[in-house]
Amino acid sequence: MFQQQAKSMIPSVTLGGSIRAAFFTLAMVTPALAVELEEFSAPPKPTETTTDCAEGFIYDDATKACVTPEASIDDQAALYLDARELAWAGRLEDAIRVLARMEKTDKTLTYQGFVARKSGDWTSAESFYLAALDANPNNLLARSYYGQGLADAGFIKAAENQLSEIRQRGGRQTWPEIALRLHLDGADSGY
């Protein structure tokens, strides 16, 4: 049900030229829904965590200051956004520290897989992705990341299977589907 709601709320994304996504006012949705919608729309946008805070620190929304991940008093949704942003920015060690503070869910397992894959550890990445998909077979982001890793490892058919799964699970025209399709076409989606 959520995927249908998210799909109807997500702006269209074009592949011609640059990928763009216009965000609607997130004040109209709950923080948890805002996190879910962001995953389905585009790569994370830089925030104070990557623009103002030095390595080893994240921006703590609650205190409005750069703090160590261990000192942050932000909620799980805010920490998740920090982990996602740090992973995308290549600050993998910082992302690991944030993920270590979080409850273990399919979403945190997905980003543990992302960090392992970006670190060159495909064996660990695959284990994290499979654990995330075991916990939630509808985790489209895990399927996209897993598919990209499979493609990089030379398992194109298996990667195409993940693309098919994303589409069958309501993920057509979402960022996970587009990113995996771009990756299979040889374009760099940034994932």
N, C-alpha and C. Protein backbone atom coordinates (compact mmCIF):
# COMPACT_ATOMS: atom_id res chain seq x y z
N MET A 1 0.81 -1.18 0.00
CA MET A 1 0.00 0.00 0.00
C MET A 1 0.86 1.26 0.00
N PHE A 2 1.91 1.29 0.81
CA PHE A 2 2.76 2.48 0.88
C PHE A 2 3.36 2.79 -0.47
N GLN A 3 3.82 1.76 -1.18
CA GLN A 3 4.46 2.01 -2.46
C GLN A 3 3.50 2.68 -3.43
N GLN A 4 2.22 2.30 -3.40
CA GLN A 4 1.24 2.94 -4.27
C GLN A 4 1.06 4.40 -3.87
N GLN A 5 1.01 4.67 -2.56
CA GLN A 5 0.89 6.04 -2.09
C GLN A 5 2.11 6.85 -2.52
N ALA A 6 3.30 6.29 -2.30
CA ALA A 6 4.53 6.99 -2.63
C ALA A 6 4.61 7.23 -4.13
N LYS A 7 4.25 6.23 -4.91
CA LYS A 7 4.32 6.36 -6.36
C LYS A 7 3.45 7.51 -6.85
N SER A 8 2.28 7.67 -6.27
CA SER A 8 1.39 8.74 -6.71
C SER A 8 1.87 10.10 -6.23
N MET A 9 2.70 10.14 -5.20
CA MET A 9 3.17 11.41 -4.66
C MET A 9 4.52 11.83 -5.23
N ILE A 10 5.21 10.94 -5.90
CA ILE A 10 6.54 11.23 -6.40
C ILE A 10 6.45 11.93 -7.73
N PRO A 11 7.18 13.03 -7.89
CA PRO A 11 7.16 13.71 -9.17
C PRO A 11 7.79 12.86 -10.25
N SER A 12 7.45 13.16 -11.46
CA SER A 12 8.03 12.37 -12.56
C SER A 12 9.51 12.65 -12.65
N VAL A 13 10.25 11.65 -13.09
CA VAL A 13 11.69 11.75 -13.24
C VAL A 13 12.00 11.47 -14.70
N THR A 14 12.78 12.32 -15.30
CA THR A 14 13.13 12.10 -16.69
C THR A 14 14.56 11.61 -16.78
N LEU A 15 14.83 10.81 -17.80
CA LEU A 15 16.19 10.33 -18.02
C LEU A 15 16.94 11.19 -19.01
N GLY A 16 16.27 11.99 -19.81
CA GLY A 16 16.94 12.85 -20.76
C GLY A 16 17.67 13.96 -20.03
N GLY A 17 18.95 14.18 -20.35
CA GLY A 17 19.73 15.21 -19.68
C GLY A 17 19.99 14.82 -18.24
N SER A 18 19.69 15.70 -17.35
CA SER A 18 19.93 15.40 -15.93
C SER A 18 18.67 14.83 -15.29
N ILE A 19 18.89 14.08 -14.25
CA ILE A 19 17.76 13.51 -13.50
C ILE A 19 17.30 14.57 -12.52
N ARG A 20 16.01 14.83 -12.54
CA ARG A 20 15.51 15.85 -11.63
C ARG A 20 14.28 15.32 -10.91
N ALA A 21 14.11 15.84 -9.73
CA ALA A 21 12.90 15.51 -8.99
C ALA A 21 12.51 16.72 -8.17
N ALA A 22 11.33 17.20 -8.36
CA ALA A 22 10.84 18.35 -7.60
C ALA A 22 10.17 17.83 -6.34
N PHE A 23 10.58 18.34 -5.19
CA PHE A 23 9.99 17.89 -3.93
C PHE A 23 8.82 18.78 -3.55
N PHE A 24 7.76 18.18 -3.06
CA PHE A 24 6.65 18.94 -2.53
C PHE A 24 6.97 19.27 -1.08
N THR A 25 6.20 20.08 -0.46
CA THR A 25 6.46 20.51 0.90
C THR A 25 6.35 19.32 1.84
N LEU A 26 7.48 18.97 2.46
CA LEU A 26 7.50 17.81 3.34
C LEU A 26 6.81 18.08 4.68
N ALA A 27 6.48 19.34 4.92
CA ALA A 27 5.76 19.65 6.16
C ALA A 27 4.39 19.00 6.19
N MET A 28 3.89 18.61 5.04
CA MET A 28 2.57 18.00 4.97
C MET A 28 2.58 16.51 5.27
N VAL A 29 3.74 15.92 5.44
CA VAL A 29 3.84 14.49 5.69
C VAL A 29 4.60 14.26 6.99
N THR A 30 4.47 13.06 7.53
CA THR A 30 5.18 12.74 8.77
C THR A 30 6.67 12.60 8.48
N PRO A 31 7.54 12.75 9.48
CA PRO A 31 8.97 12.57 9.25
C PRO A 31 9.30 11.19 8.69
N ALA A 32 8.64 10.15 9.18
CA ALA A 32 8.91 8.80 8.69
C ALA A 32 8.53 8.68 7.22
N LEU A 33 7.40 9.26 6.82
CA LEU A 33 7.00 9.22 5.42
C LEU A 33 7.95 10.04 4.56
N ALA A 34 8.42 11.17 5.09
CA ALA A 34 9.38 11.99 4.35
C ALA A 34 10.64 11.19 4.04
N VAL A 35 11.13 10.41 5.01
CA VAL A 35 12.30 9.57 4.79
C VAL A 35 12.00 8.55 3.70
N GLU A 36 10.84 7.89 3.76
CA GLU A 36 10.47 6.90 2.76
C GLU A 36 10.39 7.53 1.37
N LEU A 37 9.76 8.69 1.27
CA LEU A 37 9.60 9.33 -0.03
C LEU A 37 10.95 9.73 -0.61
N GLU A 38 11.86 10.21 0.22
CA GLU A 38 13.16 10.63 -0.28
C GLU A 38 13.90 9.45 -0.91
N GLU A 39 13.80 8.27 -0.33
CA GLU A 39 14.46 7.10 -0.89
C GLU A 39 13.96 6.78 -2.29
N PHE A 40 12.71 7.07 -2.56
CA PHE A 40 12.11 6.71 -3.83
C PHE A 40 12.23 7.81 -4.87
N SER A 41 12.80 8.95 -4.54
CA SER A 41 12.77 10.06 -5.47
C SER A 41 14.11 10.42 -6.08
N ALA A 42 15.18 10.40 -5.34
CA ALA A 42 16.46 10.87 -5.87
C ALA A 42 17.57 10.62 -4.85
N PRO A 43 18.80 10.86 -5.29
CA PRO A 43 19.91 10.77 -4.33
C PRO A 43 19.72 11.81 -3.22
N PRO A 44 20.36 11.59 -2.06
CA PRO A 44 20.20 12.55 -0.97
C PRO A 44 20.85 13.89 -1.32
N LYS A 45 20.24 14.94 -0.86
CA LYS A 45 20.81 16.28 -1.04
C LYS A 45 21.74 16.57 0.13
N PRO A 46 22.86 17.25 -0.13
CA PRO A 46 23.78 17.59 0.96
C PRO A 46 23.10 18.48 2.00
N THR A 47 23.41 18.19 3.25
CA THR A 47 22.93 19.00 4.37
C THR A 47 24.15 19.43 5.17
N GLU A 48 23.90 20.03 6.33
CA GLU A 48 25.00 20.46 7.19
C GLU A 48 25.94 19.31 7.54
N THR A 49 25.42 18.08 7.55
CA THR A 49 26.25 16.93 7.91
C THR A 49 27.46 16.82 6.98
N THR A 50 27.27 17.05 5.69
CA THR A 50 28.40 16.94 4.76
C THR A 50 28.94 18.29 4.31
N THR A 51 28.17 19.37 4.51
CA THR A 51 28.67 20.68 4.07
C THR A 51 29.37 21.45 5.19
N ASP A 52 28.96 21.24 6.44
CA ASP A 52 29.51 22.01 7.56
C ASP A 52 30.32 21.18 8.55
N CYS A 53 29.99 19.91 8.71
CA CYS A 53 30.63 19.09 9.74
C CYS A 53 31.86 18.38 9.18
N ALA A 54 32.92 18.41 9.95
CA ALA A 54 34.16 17.73 9.57
C ALA A 54 33.98 16.23 9.64
N GLU A 55 34.91 15.51 9.04
CA GLU A 55 34.86 14.04 9.13
C GLU A 55 34.83 13.65 10.60
N GLY A 56 34.03 12.62 10.89
CA GLY A 56 33.88 12.16 12.26
C GLY A 56 32.71 12.80 12.99
N PHE A 57 32.04 13.76 12.33
CA PHE A 57 30.93 14.47 12.95
C PHE A 57 29.72 14.47 12.03
N ILE A 58 28.54 14.61 12.65
CA ILE A 58 27.29 14.77 11.93
C ILE A 58 26.56 15.96 12.51
N TYR A 59 25.64 16.51 11.73
CA TYR A 59 24.84 17.62 12.23
C TYR A 59 23.68 17.04 13.03
N ASP A 60 23.59 17.47 14.27
CA ASP A 60 22.54 17.01 15.17
C ASP A 60 21.40 18.02 15.14
N ASP A 61 20.27 17.61 14.57
CA ASP A 61 19.12 18.52 14.45
C ASP A 61 18.63 18.98 15.81
N ALA A 62 18.71 18.12 16.79
CA ALA A 62 18.18 18.44 18.11
C ALA A 62 18.98 19.56 18.79
N THR A 63 20.30 19.54 18.63
CA THR A 63 21.14 20.54 19.29
C THR A 63 21.64 21.63 18.35
N LYS A 64 21.39 21.45 17.05
CA LYS A 64 21.82 22.41 16.01
C LYS A 64 23.34 22.61 16.03
N ALA A 65 24.07 21.48 16.16
CA ALA A 65 25.53 21.54 16.21
C ALA A 65 26.12 20.27 15.59
N CYS A 66 27.38 20.36 15.19
CA CYS A 66 28.09 19.18 14.71
C CYS A 66 28.58 18.40 15.93
N VAL A 67 28.24 17.12 15.98
CA VAL A 67 28.61 16.26 17.11
C VAL A 67 29.08 14.92 16.55
N THR A 68 29.71 14.13 17.39
CA THR A 68 30.05 12.78 16.96
C THR A 68 28.77 11.97 16.83
N PRO A 69 28.75 10.96 15.99
CA PRO A 69 27.55 10.14 15.89
C PRO A 69 27.10 9.58 17.24
N GLU A 70 28.06 9.23 18.07
CA GLU A 70 27.75 8.66 19.38
C GLU A 70 27.09 9.67 20.32
N ALA A 71 27.32 10.96 20.09
CA ALA A 71 26.76 12.00 20.95
C ALA A 71 25.44 12.55 20.43
N SER A 72 25.04 12.17 19.24
CA SER A 72 23.81 12.69 18.66
C SER A 72 22.60 12.22 19.46
N ILE A 73 21.64 13.13 19.61
CA ILE A 73 20.39 12.76 20.27
C ILE A 73 19.23 12.77 19.27
N ASP A 74 19.56 12.80 17.99
CA ASP A 74 18.53 12.73 16.95
C ASP A 74 17.83 11.39 16.96
N ASP A 75 16.61 11.37 16.42
CA ASP A 75 15.84 10.13 16.34
C ASP A 75 16.36 9.24 15.20
N GLN A 76 15.80 8.05 15.11
CA GLN A 76 16.25 7.06 14.12
C GLN A 76 16.08 7.57 12.69
N ALA A 77 15.01 8.30 12.40
CA ALA A 77 14.78 8.80 11.04
C ALA A 77 15.87 9.79 10.64
N ALA A 78 16.24 10.69 11.55
CA ALA A 78 17.29 11.66 11.26
C ALA A 78 18.65 10.97 11.12
N LEU A 79 18.93 10.00 11.99
CA LEU A 79 20.18 9.26 11.88
C LEU A 79 20.26 8.50 10.57
N TYR A 80 19.14 7.93 10.14
CA TYR A 80 19.10 7.22 8.87
C TYR A 80 19.46 8.15 7.71
N LEU A 81 18.88 9.35 7.71
CA LEU A 81 19.20 10.31 6.65
C LEU A 81 20.68 10.69 6.69
N ASP A 82 21.25 10.83 7.89
CA ASP A 82 22.67 11.11 8.01
C ASP A 82 23.50 9.97 7.44
N ALA A 83 23.16 8.74 7.79
CA ALA A 83 23.91 7.58 7.29
C ALA A 83 23.85 7.53 5.78
N ARG A 84 22.68 7.74 5.22
CA ARG A 84 22.49 7.71 3.77
C ARG A 84 23.32 8.80 3.10
N GLU A 85 23.26 10.02 3.62
CA GLU A 85 24.01 11.13 3.05
C GLU A 85 25.52 10.88 3.14
N LEU A 86 25.98 10.41 4.28
CA LEU A 86 27.41 10.15 4.46
C LEU A 86 27.89 9.05 3.51
N ALA A 87 27.10 8.00 3.35
CA ALA A 87 27.48 6.90 2.45
C ALA A 87 27.60 7.42 1.03
N TRP A 88 26.65 8.22 0.59
CA TRP A 88 26.69 8.77 -0.76
C TRP A 88 27.87 9.72 -0.94
N ALA A 89 28.23 10.44 0.12
CA ALA A 89 29.33 11.40 0.05
C ALA A 89 30.70 10.72 0.13
N GLY A 90 30.70 9.41 0.32
CA GLY A 90 31.97 8.69 0.41
C GLY A 90 32.59 8.69 1.79
N ARG A 91 31.89 9.21 2.77
CA ARG A 91 32.38 9.21 4.15
C ARG A 91 31.91 7.91 4.80
N LEU A 92 32.50 6.83 4.33
CA LEU A 92 32.03 5.49 4.70
C LEU A 92 32.23 5.17 6.18
N GLU A 93 33.36 5.55 6.74
CA GLU A 93 33.60 5.28 8.16
C GLU A 93 32.58 6.01 9.03
N ASP A 94 32.27 7.25 8.67
CA ASP A 94 31.26 8.00 9.42
C ASP A 94 29.89 7.33 9.29
N ALA A 95 29.57 6.88 8.08
CA ALA A 95 28.29 6.19 7.87
C ALA A 95 28.21 4.94 8.74
N ILE A 96 29.29 4.19 8.83
CA ILE A 96 29.33 2.98 9.67
C ILE A 96 29.07 3.34 11.13
N ARG A 97 29.66 4.43 11.60
CA ARG A 97 29.47 4.83 13.00
C ARG A 97 28.01 5.22 13.26
N VAL A 98 27.38 5.90 12.30
CA VAL A 98 25.97 6.26 12.47
C VAL A 98 25.11 5.00 12.46
N LEU A 99 25.36 4.11 11.51
CA LEU A 99 24.58 2.87 11.41
C LEU A 99 24.70 2.02 12.68
N ALA A 100 25.86 2.06 13.32
CA ALA A 100 26.08 1.30 14.55
C ALA A 100 25.18 1.79 15.69
N ARG A 101 24.74 3.05 15.62
CA ARG A 101 23.87 3.62 16.65
C ARG A 101 22.40 3.30 16.44
N MET A 102 22.10 2.74 15.29
CA MET A 102 20.70 2.58 14.91
C MET A 102 20.18 1.18 15.19
N GLU A 103 18.85 1.09 15.28
CA GLU A 103 18.20 -0.21 15.39
C GLU A 103 18.47 -0.98 14.10
N LYS A 104 18.63 -2.29 14.22
CA LYS A 104 18.88 -3.12 13.03
C LYS A 104 17.56 -3.38 12.33
N THR A 105 17.44 -2.82 11.14
CA THR A 105 16.24 -2.99 10.31
C THR A 105 16.69 -3.32 8.89
N ASP A 106 15.74 -3.62 8.03
CA ASP A 106 16.11 -3.86 6.63
C ASP A 106 16.75 -2.62 6.02
N LYS A 107 16.37 -1.44 6.47
CA LYS A 107 16.94 -0.21 5.94
C LYS A 107 18.39 -0.02 6.37
N THR A 108 18.69 -0.30 7.64
CA THR A 108 20.08 -0.16 8.07
C THR A 108 20.94 -1.24 7.43
N LEU A 109 20.39 -2.44 7.28
CA LEU A 109 21.14 -3.51 6.60
C LEU A 109 21.43 -3.11 5.15
N THR A 110 20.49 -2.42 4.51
CA THR A 110 20.69 -1.96 3.14
C THR A 110 21.89 -1.03 3.07
N TYR A 111 21.97 -0.08 3.99
CA TYR A 111 23.10 0.85 3.95
C TYR A 111 24.39 0.23 4.44
N GLN A 112 24.31 -0.77 5.29
CA GLN A 112 25.54 -1.51 5.62
C GLN A 112 26.06 -2.20 4.36
N GLY A 113 25.13 -2.73 3.55
CA GLY A 113 25.52 -3.33 2.28
C GLY A 113 26.11 -2.31 1.33
N PHE A 114 25.50 -1.15 1.26
CA PHE A 114 25.99 -0.07 0.40
C PHE A 114 27.43 0.29 0.77
N VAL A 115 27.66 0.49 2.07
CA VAL A 115 29.00 0.87 2.54
C VAL A 115 30.00 -0.25 2.23
N ALA A 116 29.62 -1.49 2.48
CA ALA A 116 30.53 -2.61 2.18
C ALA A 116 30.83 -2.67 0.68
N ARG A 117 29.82 -2.50 -0.15
CA ARG A 117 30.02 -2.53 -1.61
C ARG A 117 30.93 -1.40 -2.05
N LYS A 118 30.70 -0.20 -1.55
CA LYS A 118 31.53 0.95 -1.91
C LYS A 118 32.96 0.80 -1.38
N SER A 119 33.12 0.00 -0.33
CA SER A 119 34.46 -0.27 0.23
C SER A 119 35.17 -1.39 -0.51
N GLY A 120 34.46 -2.03 -1.45
CA GLY A 120 35.07 -3.11 -2.23
C GLY A 120 34.88 -4.49 -1.64
N ASP A 121 34.03 -4.62 -0.63
CA ASP A 121 33.80 -5.90 0.03
C ASP A 121 32.46 -6.48 -0.44
N TRP A 122 32.44 -7.07 -1.65
CA TRP A 122 31.21 -7.58 -2.22
C TRP A 122 30.62 -8.71 -1.40
N THR A 123 31.45 -9.57 -0.82
CA THR A 123 30.93 -10.69 -0.03
C THR A 123 30.08 -10.19 1.13
N SER A 124 30.60 -9.21 1.88
CA SER A 124 29.82 -8.65 2.99
C SER A 124 28.61 -7.90 2.48
N ALA A 125 28.79 -7.13 1.41
CA ALA A 125 27.67 -6.37 0.85
C ALA A 125 26.53 -7.29 0.47
N GLU A 126 26.84 -8.37 -0.21
CA GLU A 126 25.80 -9.31 -0.62
C GLU A 126 25.08 -9.90 0.59
N SER A 127 25.83 -10.21 1.63
CA SER A 127 25.22 -10.75 2.86
C SER A 127 24.25 -9.74 3.48
N PHE A 128 24.65 -8.47 3.53
CA PHE A 128 23.77 -7.44 4.08
C PHE A 128 22.52 -7.26 3.22
N TYR A 129 22.70 -7.22 1.89
CA TYR A 129 21.55 -7.05 1.00
C TYR A 129 20.57 -8.22 1.13
N LEU A 130 21.10 -9.43 1.18
CA LEU A 130 20.23 -10.60 1.30
C LEU A 130 19.50 -10.61 2.64
N ALA A 131 20.17 -10.17 3.70
CA ALA A 131 19.52 -10.08 5.01
C ALA A 131 18.43 -9.02 4.98
N ALA A 132 18.68 -7.89 4.32
CA ALA A 132 17.67 -6.84 4.20
C ALA A 132 16.46 -7.35 3.42
N LEU A 133 16.71 -8.08 2.33
CA LEU A 133 15.61 -8.59 1.52
C LEU A 133 14.88 -9.73 2.21
N ASP A 134 15.58 -10.47 3.04
CA ASP A 134 14.92 -11.51 3.83
C ASP A 134 13.96 -10.87 4.83
N ALA A 135 14.39 -9.74 5.43
CA ALA A 135 13.55 -9.03 6.39
C ALA A 135 12.39 -8.31 5.71
N ASN A 136 12.63 -7.81 4.49
CA ASN A 136 11.61 -7.07 3.76
C ASN A 136 11.81 -7.25 2.26
N PRO A 137 11.14 -8.22 1.66
CA PRO A 137 11.29 -8.45 0.22
C PRO A 137 10.88 -7.27 -0.64
N ASN A 138 10.15 -6.31 -0.09
CA ASN A 138 9.72 -5.13 -0.84
C ASN A 138 10.66 -3.94 -0.67
N ASN A 139 11.85 -4.17 -0.13
CA ASN A 139 12.83 -3.10 0.02
C ASN A 139 13.45 -2.84 -1.35
N LEU A 140 12.90 -1.86 -2.05
CA LEU A 140 13.33 -1.58 -3.42
C LEU A 140 14.75 -1.03 -3.49
N LEU A 141 15.15 -0.27 -2.49
CA LEU A 141 16.49 0.27 -2.46
C LEU A 141 17.52 -0.86 -2.34
N ALA A 142 17.24 -1.83 -1.46
CA ALA A 142 18.14 -2.97 -1.33
C ALA A 142 18.22 -3.74 -2.65
N ARG A 143 17.10 -3.89 -3.31
CA ARG A 143 17.09 -4.59 -4.61
C ARG A 143 17.91 -3.83 -5.64
N SER A 144 17.82 -2.52 -5.65
CA SER A 144 18.58 -1.72 -6.60
C SER A 144 20.08 -1.82 -6.33
N TYR A 145 20.46 -1.62 -5.08
CA TYR A 145 21.88 -1.72 -4.72
C TYR A 145 22.41 -3.13 -4.98
N TYR A 146 21.64 -4.12 -4.60
CA TYR A 146 22.04 -5.51 -4.82
C TYR A 146 22.21 -5.78 -6.31
N GLY A 147 21.25 -5.33 -7.11
CA GLY A 147 21.33 -5.50 -8.55
C GLY A 147 22.56 -4.84 -9.14
N GLN A 148 22.89 -3.66 -8.66
CA GLN A 148 24.08 -2.98 -9.16
C GLN A 148 25.35 -3.74 -8.80
N GLY A 149 25.39 -4.25 -7.58
CA GLY A 149 26.54 -5.05 -7.18
C GLY A 149 26.65 -6.33 -8.00
N LEU A 150 25.51 -6.97 -8.25
CA LEU A 150 25.51 -8.17 -9.09
C LEU A 150 26.03 -7.85 -10.48
N ALA A 151 25.57 -6.74 -11.06
CA ALA A 151 26.04 -6.34 -12.39
C ALA A 151 27.55 -6.10 -12.38
N ASP A 152 28.03 -5.42 -11.36
CA ASP A 152 29.47 -5.15 -11.26
C ASP A 152 30.27 -6.44 -11.14
N ALA A 153 29.68 -7.46 -10.51
CA ALA A 153 30.35 -8.75 -10.34
C ALA A 153 30.19 -9.63 -11.59
N GLY A 154 29.49 -9.13 -12.60
CA GLY A 154 29.34 -9.88 -13.85
C GLY A 154 28.10 -10.73 -13.94
N PHE A 155 27.22 -10.63 -12.97
CA PHE A 155 25.99 -11.43 -12.95
C PHE A 155 24.83 -10.60 -13.51
N ILE A 156 24.89 -10.33 -14.80
CA ILE A 156 23.92 -9.44 -15.44
C ILE A 156 22.50 -9.98 -15.36
N LYS A 157 22.31 -11.25 -15.63
CA LYS A 157 20.97 -11.83 -15.58
C LYS A 157 20.37 -11.71 -14.17
N ALA A 158 21.17 -11.96 -13.16
CA ALA A 158 20.69 -11.83 -11.78
C ALA A 158 20.35 -10.37 -11.47
N ALA A 159 21.13 -9.43 -12.00
CA ALA A 159 20.84 -8.01 -11.82
C ALA A 159 19.53 -7.64 -12.51
N GLU A 160 19.33 -8.17 -13.72
CA GLU A 160 18.08 -7.93 -14.44
C GLU A 160 16.89 -8.51 -13.69
N ASN A 161 17.11 -9.62 -13.01
CA ASN A 161 16.04 -10.20 -12.18
C ASN A 161 15.65 -9.25 -11.05
N GLN A 162 16.63 -8.57 -10.46
CA GLN A 162 16.32 -7.60 -9.41
C GLN A 162 15.53 -6.42 -9.98
N LEU A 163 15.88 -6.00 -11.21
CA LEU A 163 15.12 -4.93 -11.86
C LEU A 163 13.68 -5.36 -12.08
N SER A 164 13.50 -6.58 -12.51
CA SER A 164 12.15 -7.12 -12.71
C SER A 164 11.39 -7.17 -11.39
N GLU A 165 12.05 -7.58 -10.32
CA GLU A 165 11.42 -7.62 -8.99
C GLU A 165 11.00 -6.23 -8.55
N ILE A 166 11.85 -5.24 -8.77
CA ILE A 166 11.51 -3.86 -8.40
C ILE A 166 10.23 -3.44 -9.11
N ARG A 167 10.16 -3.71 -10.41
CA ARG A 167 8.99 -3.33 -11.18
C ARG A 167 7.74 -4.07 -10.72
N GLN A 168 7.88 -5.37 -10.47
CA GLN A 168 6.73 -6.17 -10.04
C GLN A 168 6.21 -5.76 -8.67
N ARG A 169 7.06 -5.17 -7.87
CA ARG A 169 6.69 -4.78 -6.50
C ARG A 169 6.27 -3.31 -6.42
N GLY A 170 5.88 -2.73 -7.55
CA GLY A 170 5.36 -1.36 -7.57
C GLY A 170 6.41 -0.28 -7.70
N GLY A 171 7.61 -0.64 -8.12
CA GLY A 171 8.69 0.34 -8.17
C GLY A 171 8.97 0.97 -9.52
N ARG A 172 8.05 0.86 -10.45
CA ARG A 172 8.27 1.50 -11.76
C ARG A 172 8.39 3.01 -11.58
N GLN A 173 9.37 3.58 -12.26
CA GLN A 173 9.64 5.01 -12.27
C GLN A 173 10.02 5.57 -10.90
N THR A 174 10.49 4.71 -10.02
CA THR A 174 11.04 5.19 -8.75
C THR A 174 12.56 5.27 -8.93
N TRP A 175 13.20 5.98 -8.03
CA TRP A 175 14.65 6.11 -8.11
C TRP A 175 15.36 4.75 -8.07
N PRO A 176 14.97 3.79 -7.23
CA PRO A 176 15.65 2.49 -7.27
C PRO A 176 15.59 1.83 -8.65
N GLU A 177 14.43 1.90 -9.31
CA GLU A 177 14.31 1.30 -10.65
C GLU A 177 15.18 2.05 -11.66
N ILE A 178 15.10 3.37 -11.64
CA ILE A 178 15.86 4.19 -12.59
C ILE A 178 17.35 4.00 -12.40
N ALA A 179 17.81 4.00 -11.14
CA ALA A 179 19.24 3.86 -10.87
C ALA A 179 19.77 2.51 -11.35
N LEU A 180 19.01 1.44 -11.11
CA LEU A 180 19.47 0.12 -11.56
C LEU A 180 19.43 0.04 -13.08
N ARG A 181 18.40 0.59 -13.68
CA ARG A 181 18.32 0.58 -15.15
C ARG A 181 19.49 1.36 -15.74
N LEU A 182 19.80 2.54 -15.20
CA LEU A 182 20.95 3.32 -15.67
C LEU A 182 22.24 2.52 -15.53
N HIS A 183 22.39 1.86 -14.39
CA HIS A 183 23.59 1.08 -14.13
C HIS A 183 23.73 -0.05 -15.16
N LEU A 184 22.64 -0.73 -15.42
CA LEU A 184 22.68 -1.82 -16.41
C LEU A 184 22.96 -1.30 -17.82
N ASP A 185 22.57 -0.05 -18.07
CA ASP A 185 22.83 0.58 -19.38
C ASP A 185 24.23 1.19 -19.46
N GLY A 186 24.98 1.08 -18.37
CA GLY A 186 26.35 1.58 -18.37
C GLY A 186 26.51 3.01 -17.91
N ALA A 187 25.44 3.64 -17.46
CA ALA A 187 25.53 5.02 -16.96
C ALA A 187 25.80 4.99 -15.47
N ASP A 188 26.41 6.05 -14.97
CA ASP A 188 26.70 6.14 -13.55
C ASP A 188 25.58 6.90 -12.86
N SER A 189 24.79 6.18 -12.08
CA SER A 189 23.69 6.82 -11.34
C SER A 189 24.17 7.41 -10.02
N GLY A 190 25.40 7.12 -9.64
CA GLY A 190 25.92 7.58 -8.37
C GLY A 190 25.76 6.57 -7.26
N TYR A 191 24.94 5.57 -7.49
CA TYR A 191 24.74 4.53 -6.49
C TYR A 191 25.98 3.67 -6.45
